[in-house]
Amino acid sequence: MNTEKNSETTHFGYTSVGVDEKAGLVKGVFDSVAPRYDLMNDLMSIGVHRLWKRALIDALNPQPHMALLDVGGGTGDIAFRFLKRGGSEVTVCDINDEMLDVGRDRAVDRGVLEGISWINGDAENLPVPDASFDAFTIAFCIRNVTHIERALSEARRVLKPGGRFLCLEFSHVVLPVVERLYNAYSFGVLPRLGQLVAGDAESYRYLAESIRRFPDQQTFADMITEAGLEQVGYRNLSGGIAALHTAWRI
């Protein structure tokens, strides 16, 4: 499915870059936007990202003694929801120290000092043992990794047998009228918001472009299956602006 797997170049938004360059470029984007990342998420989605994350937590249905690995969730959004809904233990793994710093500060502000840990790590090479988590979540992150298939294989590796995989990601709009409005917003309004609020139009232009380069719902579902996960399914949210992909490690 990933035609760039053996290539020397990959995409960074609409730009072609060397495979070894992409991770650093993506890190630069999130280093830049980290301090206002959650505010920008509210502005970008008019607050709808909160409903999408609630849908992820509803599907996960946190239970006591459930251990979660949340990848790319440095600011803690998914982790805090998981603990509030009854989950036992969450490890937040993010490649960006700046995002993790924001998450730790938010945890202290909320008085969340137990049941949560923070580690710096790459989604393509997670610094955790095999079969060590009951659940794996990744929200609005996987489209930014260089080799999506490696991140999916890592997800399977770290899940216990019977473990749950959930991925929330921007996807391909399935309603033509919504698609036209969404494109106009993404490429016209979003970079301007990025400049006004975060002082960085280019990073938000990249984020809009990266969404368009991400595989469509069925293609991504096929990639999850190829990684060895089973009972793969997806649910479109807001007409396909986002999609929630689910699977199990059997």
C-alpha atoms as a PDB file:
ATOM      1  CA  MET A   1       0.000   0.000   0.000  1.00  0.00           C
ATOM      2  CA  ASN A   2       2.814   2.418   0.785  1.00  0.00           C
ATOM      3  CA  THR A   3       4.512   2.975  -2.549  1.00  0.00           C
ATOM      4  CA  GLU A   4       7.285   5.062  -0.964  1.00  0.00           C
ATOM      5  CA  LYS A   5       8.526   2.294   1.268  1.00  0.00           C
ATOM      6  CA  ASN A   6      11.703   1.641  -0.735  1.00  0.00           C
ATOM      7  CA  SER A   7      12.132   5.151  -2.105  1.00  0.00           C
ATOM      8  CA  GLU A   8      14.724   7.745  -1.117  1.00  0.00           C
ATOM      9  CA  THR A   9      12.093  10.472  -0.972  1.00  0.00           C
ATOM     10  CA  THR A  10       8.755  10.948   0.720  1.00  0.00           C
ATOM     11  CA  HIS A  11       6.237  13.755   1.056  1.00  0.00           C
ATOM     12  CA  PHE A  12       6.163  16.609   3.527  1.00  0.00           C
ATOM     13  CA  GLY A  13       2.779  18.069   2.711  1.00  0.00           C
ATOM     14  CA  TYR A  14       2.943  18.750  -1.015  1.00  0.00           C
ATOM     15  CA  THR A  15       6.746  18.944  -1.007  1.00  0.00           C
ATOM     16  CA  SER A  16       9.033  16.027  -1.846  1.00  0.00           C
ATOM     17  CA  VAL A  17      11.809  15.589   0.743  1.00  0.00           C
ATOM     18  CA  GLY A  18      14.425  13.011   1.601  1.00  0.00           C
ATOM     19  CA  VAL A  19      13.190  10.142   3.787  1.00  0.00           C
ATOM     20  CA  ASP A  20      15.771  11.043   6.426  1.00  0.00           C
ATOM     21  CA  GLU A  21      14.589  14.665   6.470  1.00  0.00           C
ATOM     22  CA  LYS A  22      10.882  14.243   7.165  1.00  0.00           C
ATOM     23  CA  ALA A  23      11.001  13.410  10.878  1.00  0.00           C
ATOM     24  CA  GLY A  24      13.053  16.516  11.591  1.00  0.00           C
ATOM     25  CA  LEU A  25      10.747  18.718   9.541  1.00  0.00           C
ATOM     26  CA  VAL A  26       7.651  17.350  11.286  1.00  0.00           C
ATOM     27  CA  LYS A  27       9.338  17.837  14.655  1.00  0.00           C
ATOM     28  CA  GLY A  28       9.966  21.460  13.700  1.00  0.00           C
ATOM     29  CA  VAL A  29       6.283  21.961  12.942  1.00  0.00           C
ATOM     30  CA  PHE A  30       5.158  20.655  16.322  1.00  0.00           C
ATOM     31  CA  ASP A  31       7.947  22.402  18.213  1.00  0.00           C
ATOM     32  CA  SER A  32       6.597  25.619  16.715  1.00  0.00           C
ATOM     33  CA  VAL A  33       2.925  25.063  17.440  1.00  0.00           C
ATOM     34  CA  ALA A  34       3.171  23.252  20.807  1.00  0.00           C
ATOM     35  CA  PRO A  35       2.417  26.229  23.104  1.00  0.00           C
ATOM     36  CA  ARG A  36      -0.881  26.960  21.335  1.00  0.00           C
ATOM     37  CA  TYR A  37      -1.627  23.512  19.912  1.00  0.00           C
ATOM     38  CA  ASP A  38      -4.832  22.894  21.874  1.00  0.00           C
ATOM     39  CA  LEU A  39      -6.144  26.400  21.283  1.00  0.00           C
ATOM     40  CA  MET A  40      -5.493  25.985  17.566  1.00  0.00           C
ATOM     41  CA  ASN A  41      -7.301  22.620  17.581  1.00  0.00           C
ATOM     42  CA  ASP A  42     -10.362  24.388  18.964  1.00  0.00           C
ATOM     43  CA  LEU A  43     -10.116  27.109  16.336  1.00  0.00           C
ATOM     44  CA  MET A  44      -9.338  24.703  13.483  1.00  0.00           C
ATOM     45  CA  SER A  45     -12.301  22.435  14.214  1.00  0.00           C
ATOM     46  CA  ILE A  46     -14.605  24.969  15.893  1.00  0.00           C
ATOM     47  CA  GLY A  47     -14.372  22.705  18.916  1.00  0.00           C
ATOM     48  CA  VAL A  48     -15.562  19.584  17.053  1.00  0.00           C
ATOM     49  CA  HIS A  49     -12.273  17.755  17.771  1.00  0.00           C
ATOM     50  CA  ARG A  50     -13.567  17.357  21.322  1.00  0.00           C
ATOM     51  CA  LEU A  51     -16.541  15.356  20.033  1.00  0.00           C
ATOM     52  CA  TRP A  52     -14.249  13.212  17.878  1.00  0.00           C
ATOM     53  CA  LYS A  53     -12.026  12.458  20.873  1.00  0.00           C
ATOM     54  CA  ARG A  54     -15.079  11.624  22.934  1.00  0.00           C
ATOM     55  CA  ALA A  55     -16.072   9.149  20.198  1.00  0.00           C
ATOM     56  CA  LEU A  56     -12.635   7.532  20.499  1.00  0.00           C
ATOM     57  CA  ILE A  57     -12.941   7.204  24.278  1.00  0.00           C
ATOM     58  CA  ASP A  58     -16.506   5.886  23.953  1.00  0.00           C
ATOM     59  CA  ALA A  59     -15.259   3.207  21.532  1.00  0.00           C
ATOM     60  CA  LEU A  60     -12.339   2.332  23.825  1.00  0.00           C
ATOM     61  CA  ASN A  61     -14.612   2.116  26.892  1.00  0.00           C
ATOM     62  CA  PRO A  62     -11.842   2.461  29.528  1.00  0.00           C
ATOM     63  CA  GLN A  63     -11.904  -0.096  32.328  1.00  0.00           C
ATOM     64  CA  PRO A  64     -10.130  -0.445  35.680  1.00  0.00           C
ATOM     65  CA  HIS A  65      -6.750  -2.131  35.275  1.00  0.00           C
ATOM     66  CA  MET A  66      -6.614  -1.167  31.563  1.00  0.00           C
ATOM     67  CA  ALA A  67      -3.150   0.064  30.550  1.00  0.00           C
ATOM     68  CA  LEU A  68      -3.100   2.429  27.565  1.00  0.00           C
ATOM     69  CA  LEU A  69      -0.264   3.603  25.328  1.00  0.00           C
ATOM     70  CA  ASP A  70      -1.213   6.905  23.696  1.00  0.00           C
ATOM     71  CA  VAL A  71       1.200   7.718  20.873  1.00  0.00           C
ATOM     72  CA  GLY A  72       1.635  11.263  19.609  1.00  0.00           C
ATOM     73  CA  GLY A  73      -0.547  12.605  22.401  1.00  0.00           C
ATOM     74  CA  GLY A  74       2.000  14.861  24.058  1.00  0.00           C
ATOM     75  CA  THR A  75      -0.430  17.486  25.318  1.00  0.00           C
ATOM     76  CA  GLY A  76      -2.393  14.836  27.196  1.00  0.00           C
ATOM     77  CA  ASP A  77      -5.834  15.280  25.636  1.00  0.00           C
ATOM     78  CA  ILE A  78      -6.553  11.580  25.161  1.00  0.00           C
ATOM     79  CA  ALA A  79      -4.714  10.557  28.352  1.00  0.00           C
ATOM     80  CA  PHE A  80      -6.755  12.846  30.608  1.00  0.00           C
ATOM     81  CA  ARG A  81     -10.018  11.643  29.056  1.00  0.00           C
ATOM     82  CA  PHE A  82      -8.953   8.015  29.488  1.00  0.00           C
ATOM     83  CA  LEU A  83      -8.208   8.448  33.200  1.00  0.00           C
ATOM     84  CA  LYS A  84     -11.368  10.463  33.814  1.00  0.00           C
ATOM     85  CA  ARG A  85     -13.456   7.685  32.257  1.00  0.00           C
ATOM     86  CA  GLY A  86     -12.024   5.006  34.539  1.00  0.00           C
ATOM     87  CA  GLY A  87      -8.827   3.835  32.867  1.00  0.00           C
ATOM     88  CA  SER A  88      -6.083   2.696  35.201  1.00  0.00           C
ATOM     89  CA  GLU A  89      -2.747   3.624  33.695  1.00  0.00           C
ATOM     90  CA  VAL A  90      -1.676   5.598  30.633  1.00  0.00           C
ATOM     91  CA  THR A  91       1.725   6.128  29.049  1.00  0.00           C
ATOM     92  CA  VAL A  92       1.970   9.117  26.734  1.00  0.00           C
ATOM     93  CA  CYS A  93       4.638   8.715  24.062  1.00  0.00           C
ATOM     94  CA  ASP A  94       5.580  11.630  21.815  1.00  0.00           C
ATOM     95  CA  ILE A  95       8.660  12.456  19.748  1.00  0.00           C
ATOM     96  CA  ASN A  96       8.394  16.153  20.624  1.00  0.00           C
ATOM     97  CA  ASP A  97       9.748  17.242  24.017  1.00  0.00           C
ATOM     98  CA  GLU A  98       7.940  20.563  23.641  1.00  0.00           C
ATOM     99  CA  MET A  99       4.572  18.800  23.333  1.00  0.00           C
ATOM    100  CA  LEU A 100       5.386  16.578  26.322  1.00  0.00           C
ATOM    101  CA  ASP A 101       6.315  19.656  28.355  1.00  0.00           C
ATOM    102  CA  VAL A 102       2.881  21.123  27.604  1.00  0.00           C
ATOM    103  CA  GLY A 103       1.239  17.859  28.664  1.00  0.00           C
ATOM    104  CA  ARG A 104       3.164  17.605  31.926  1.00  0.00           C
ATOM    105  CA  ASP A 105       2.289  21.201  32.787  1.00  0.00           C
ATOM    106  CA  ARG A 106      -1.382  20.519  32.060  1.00  0.00           C
ATOM    107  CA  ALA A 107      -1.255  17.409  34.267  1.00  0.00           C
ATOM    108  CA  VAL A 108       0.158  19.413  37.170  1.00  0.00           C
ATOM    109  CA  ASP A 109      -2.443  22.134  36.673  1.00  0.00           C
ATOM    110  CA  ARG A 110      -5.206  19.498  36.764  1.00  0.00           C
ATOM    111  CA  GLY A 111      -3.735  17.660  39.738  1.00  0.00           C
ATOM    112  CA  VAL A 112      -3.216  14.507  37.640  1.00  0.00           C
ATOM    113  CA  LEU A 113      -0.067  13.174  39.270  1.00  0.00           C
ATOM    114  CA  GLU A 114      -0.731   9.426  39.364  1.00  0.00           C
ATOM    115  CA  GLY A 115      -1.528   6.850  36.700  1.00  0.00           C
ATOM    116  CA  ILE A 116       0.211   8.777  33.933  1.00  0.00           C
ATOM    117  CA  SER A 117       3.755   8.689  32.590  1.00  0.00           C
ATOM    118  CA  TRP A 118       5.471  10.557  29.788  1.00  0.00           C
ATOM    119  CA  ILE A 119       8.151   9.237  27.435  1.00  0.00           C
ATOM    120  CA  ASN A 120       9.929  10.590  24.385  1.00  0.00           C
ATOM    121  CA  GLY A 121       9.725   8.072  21.570  1.00  0.00           C
ATOM    122  CA  ASP A 122       9.236   7.513  17.860  1.00  0.00           C
ATOM    123  CA  ALA A 123       6.000   5.879  16.649  1.00  0.00           C
ATOM    124  CA  GLU A 124       8.106   3.809  14.231  1.00  0.00           C
ATOM    125  CA  ASN A 125      10.338   2.452  17.026  1.00  0.00           C
ATOM    126  CA  LEU A 126       8.482   2.590  20.323  1.00  0.00           C
ATOM    127  CA  PRO A 127      10.655   2.367  23.471  1.00  0.00           C
ATOM    128  CA  VAL A 128       8.354  -0.117  25.221  1.00  0.00           C
ATOM    129  CA  PRO A 129       8.348  -3.934  25.502  1.00  0.00           C
ATOM    130  CA  ASP A 130       6.373  -6.364  23.358  1.00  0.00           C
ATOM    131  CA  ALA A 131       2.799  -7.158  24.412  1.00  0.00           C
ATOM    132  CA  SER A 132       2.808  -4.651  27.268  1.00  0.00           C
ATOM    133  CA  PHE A 133      -0.442  -2.682  26.772  1.00  0.00           C
ATOM    134  CA  ASP A 134      -4.148  -3.446  26.753  1.00  0.00           C
ATOM    135  CA  ALA A 135      -4.901  -0.610  24.361  1.00  0.00           C
ATOM    136  CA  PHE A 136      -3.110   1.631  21.854  1.00  0.00           C
ATOM    137  CA  THR A 137      -4.431   4.997  20.713  1.00  0.00           C
ATOM    138  CA  ILE A 138      -3.041   7.474  18.230  1.00  0.00           C
ATOM    139  CA  ALA A 139      -4.938  10.683  17.450  1.00  0.00           C
ATOM    140  CA  PHE A 140      -4.064  13.118  14.660  1.00  0.00           C
ATOM    141  CA  CYS A 141      -0.495  11.843  14.553  1.00  0.00           C
ATOM    142  CA  ILE A 142      -0.031   8.886  12.229  1.00  0.00           C
ATOM    143  CA  ARG A 143      -0.287  10.936   9.039  1.00  0.00           C
ATOM    144  CA  ASN A 144       2.899  12.729  10.118  1.00  0.00           C
ATOM    145  CA  VAL A 145       5.113   9.656  10.460  1.00  0.00           C
ATOM    146  CA  THR A 146       7.502   8.826   7.636  1.00  0.00           C
ATOM    147  CA  HIS A 147       6.630   5.121   7.346  1.00  0.00           C
ATOM    148  CA  ILE A 148       3.008   4.524   8.319  1.00  0.00           C
ATOM    149  CA  GLU A 149       3.347   0.772   7.944  1.00  0.00           C
ATOM    150  CA  ARG A 150       6.151   0.696  10.539  1.00  0.00           C
ATOM    151  CA  ALA A 151       4.031   2.608  13.054  1.00  0.00           C
ATOM    152  CA  LEU A 152       1.177   0.148  12.534  1.00  0.00           C
ATOM    153  CA  SER A 153       3.505  -2.818  13.012  1.00  0.00           C
ATOM    154  CA  GLU A 154       4.763  -1.248  16.222  1.00  0.00           C
ATOM    155  CA  ALA A 155       1.187  -0.833  17.424  1.00  0.00           C
ATOM    156  CA  ARG A 156       0.607  -4.555  16.969  1.00  0.00           C
ATOM    157  CA  ARG A 157       3.919  -5.411  18.643  1.00  0.00           C
ATOM    158  CA  VAL A 158       3.209  -3.532  21.862  1.00  0.00           C
ATOM    159  CA  LEU A 159      -0.389  -4.713  22.257  1.00  0.00           C
ATOM    160  CA  LYS A 160      -1.197  -7.729  24.379  1.00  0.00           C
ATOM    161  CA  PRO A 161      -3.228 -10.487  22.706  1.00  0.00           C
ATOM    162  CA  GLY A 162      -6.796  -9.234  22.887  1.00  0.00           C
ATOM    163  CA  GLY A 163      -5.554  -5.624  22.915  1.00  0.00           C
ATOM    164  CA  ARG A 164      -7.449  -2.801  21.230  1.00  0.00           C
ATOM    165  CA  PHE A 165      -6.136  -0.438  18.526  1.00  0.00           C
ATOM    166  CA  LEU A 166      -7.820   2.910  17.875  1.00  0.00           C
ATOM    167  CA  CYS A 167      -6.657   5.599  15.474  1.00  0.00           C
ATOM    168  CA  LEU A 168      -8.369   8.960  15.099  1.00  0.00           C
ATOM    169  CA  GLU A 169      -7.198  10.860  12.046  1.00  0.00           C
ATOM    170  CA  PHE A 170      -8.282  13.472   9.554  1.00  0.00           C
ATOM    171  CA  SER A 171      -9.512  11.676   6.474  1.00  0.00           C
ATOM    172  CA  HIS A 172     -11.231  12.102   3.108  1.00  0.00           C
ATOM    173  CA  VAL A 173     -14.539  13.963   3.036  1.00  0.00           C
ATOM    174  CA  VAL A 174     -17.347  11.883   1.531  1.00  0.00           C
ATOM    175  CA  LEU A 175     -19.897  14.681   1.005  1.00  0.00           C
ATOM    176  CA  PRO A 176     -19.109  16.908  -2.052  1.00  0.00           C
ATOM    177  CA  VAL A 177     -20.692  20.071  -0.602  1.00  0.00           C
ATOM    178  CA  VAL A 178     -18.770  19.673   2.668  1.00  0.00           C
ATOM    179  CA  GLU A 179     -15.569  18.938   0.733  1.00  0.00           C
ATOM    180  CA  ARG A 180     -15.716  22.243  -1.159  1.00  0.00           C
ATOM    181  CA  LEU A 181     -16.273  24.250   2.016  1.00  0.00           C
ATOM    182  CA  TYR A 182     -13.610  22.260   3.870  1.00  0.00           C
ATOM    183  CA  ASN A 183     -11.004  22.833   1.152  1.00  0.00           C
ATOM    184  CA  ALA A 184     -11.700  26.559   1.116  1.00  0.00           C
ATOM    185  CA  TYR A 185     -11.365  26.692   4.889  1.00  0.00           C
ATOM    186  CA  SER A 186      -8.240  24.517   5.055  1.00  0.00           C
ATOM    187  CA  PHE A 187      -6.205  26.422   2.497  1.00  0.00           C
ATOM    188  CA  GLY A 188      -7.703  29.893   2.887  1.00  0.00           C
ATOM    189  CA  VAL A 189      -8.606  30.409   6.536  1.00  0.00           C
ATOM    190  CA  LEU A 190      -6.424  27.933   8.423  1.00  0.00           C
ATOM    191  CA  PRO A 191      -2.982  29.361   7.525  1.00  0.00           C
ATOM    192  CA  ARG A 192      -4.244  32.834   8.446  1.00  0.00           C
ATOM    193  CA  LEU A 193      -5.463  31.564  11.815  1.00  0.00           C
ATOM    194  CA  GLY A 194      -2.080  29.927  12.303  1.00  0.00           C
ATOM    195  CA  GLN A 195      -0.344  33.226  11.662  1.00  0.00           C
ATOM    196  CA  LEU A 196      -2.652  35.233  13.923  1.00  0.00           C
ATOM    197  CA  VAL A 197      -2.783  32.830  16.867  1.00  0.00           C
ATOM    198  CA  ALA A 198       0.461  30.871  16.707  1.00  0.00           C
ATOM    199  CA  GLY A 199       2.577  33.214  14.593  1.00  0.00           C
ATOM    200  CA  ASP A 200       3.161  30.398  12.113  1.00  0.00           C
ATOM    201  CA  ALA A 201       1.203  30.153   8.860  1.00  0.00           C
ATOM    202  CA  GLU A 202       3.519  27.637   7.193  1.00  0.00           C
ATOM    203  CA  SER A 203       3.124  24.938   9.835  1.00  0.00           C
ATOM    204  CA  TYR A 204      -0.657  25.065   9.482  1.00  0.00           C
ATOM    205  CA  ARG A 205      -0.373  25.044   5.697  1.00  0.00           C
ATOM    206  CA  TYR A 206       1.676  21.851   6.078  1.00  0.00           C
ATOM    207  CA  LEU A 207      -0.972  20.346   8.387  1.00  0.00           C
ATOM    208  CA  ALA A 208      -3.675  21.003   5.775  1.00  0.00           C
ATOM    209  CA  GLU A 209      -1.525  19.487   3.032  1.00  0.00           C
ATOM    210  CA  SER A 210      -0.623  16.450   5.130  1.00  0.00           C
ATOM    211  CA  ILE A 211      -4.321  15.635   5.515  1.00  0.00           C
ATOM    212  CA  ARG A 212      -4.747  15.535   1.734  1.00  0.00           C
ATOM    213  CA  ARG A 213      -1.742  13.226   1.363  1.00  0.00           C
ATOM    214  CA  PHE A 214      -3.030  10.718   3.907  1.00  0.00           C
ATOM    215  CA  PRO A 215      -4.585   7.504   2.509  1.00  0.00           C
ATOM    216  CA  ASP A 216      -8.362   7.347   2.222  1.00  0.00           C
ATOM    217  CA  GLN A 217     -10.402   5.390   4.718  1.00  0.00           C
ATOM    218  CA  GLN A 218     -10.406   2.011   2.965  1.00  0.00           C
ATOM    219  CA  THR A 219      -6.749   2.205   1.937  1.00  0.00           C
ATOM    220  CA  PHE A 220      -5.719   2.943   5.505  1.00  0.00           C
ATOM    221  CA  ALA A 221      -7.958   0.133   6.793  1.00  0.00           C
ATOM    222  CA  ASP A 222      -6.175  -2.229   4.389  1.00  0.00           C
ATOM    223  CA  MET A 223      -2.823  -1.058   5.767  1.00  0.00           C
ATOM    224  CA  ILE A 224      -3.976  -1.835   9.308  1.00  0.00           C
ATOM    225  CA  THR A 225      -4.927  -5.331   8.187  1.00  0.00           C
ATOM    226  CA  GLU A 226      -1.570  -5.809   6.470  1.00  0.00           C
ATOM    227  CA  ALA A 227       0.158  -4.917   9.754  1.00  0.00           C
ATOM    228  CA  GLY A 228      -1.402  -8.004  11.319  1.00  0.00           C
ATOM    229  CA  LEU A 229      -4.268  -6.459  13.237  1.00  0.00           C
ATOM    230  CA  GLU A 230      -7.710  -8.008  12.886  1.00  0.00           C
ATOM    231  CA  GLN A 231     -11.414  -7.144  12.912  1.00  0.00           C
ATOM    232  CA  VAL A 232     -10.494  -3.848  11.273  1.00  0.00           C
ATOM    233  CA  GLY A 233     -13.208  -1.256  10.847  1.00  0.00           C
ATOM    234  CA  TYR A 234     -13.719   2.474  10.565  1.00  0.00           C
ATOM    235  CA  ARG A 235     -16.371   5.072  11.212  1.00  0.00           C
ATOM    236  CA  ASN A 236     -16.592   8.406   9.427  1.00  0.00           C
ATOM    237  CA  LEU A 237     -17.004  11.457  11.639  1.00  0.00           C
ATOM    238  CA  SER A 238     -18.423  14.772  10.411  1.00  0.00           C
ATOM    239  CA  GLY A 239     -18.858  13.491   6.874  1.00  0.00           C
ATOM    240  CA  GLY A 240     -15.366  12.025   6.684  1.00  0.00           C
ATOM    241  CA  ILE A 241     -13.458  15.109   7.848  1.00  0.00           C
ATOM    242  CA  ALA A 242     -12.140  12.670  10.413  1.00  0.00           C
ATOM    243  CA  ALA A 243     -12.371   8.896  10.738  1.00  0.00           C
ATOM    244  CA  LEU A 244     -12.062   6.563  13.694  1.00  0.00           C
ATOM    245  CA  HIS A 245     -10.260   3.333  12.778  1.00  0.00           C
ATOM    246  CA  THR A 246     -10.470   0.372  15.140  1.00  0.00           C
ATOM    247  CA  ALA A 247      -8.898  -3.087  15.270  1.00  0.00           C
ATOM    248  CA  TRP A 248      -7.819  -5.837  17.647  1.00  0.00           C
ATOM    249  CA  ARG A 249      -4.672  -7.802  18.207  1.00  0.00           C
ATOM    250  CA  ILE A 250      -5.845 -11.401  18.298  1.00  0.00           C
END
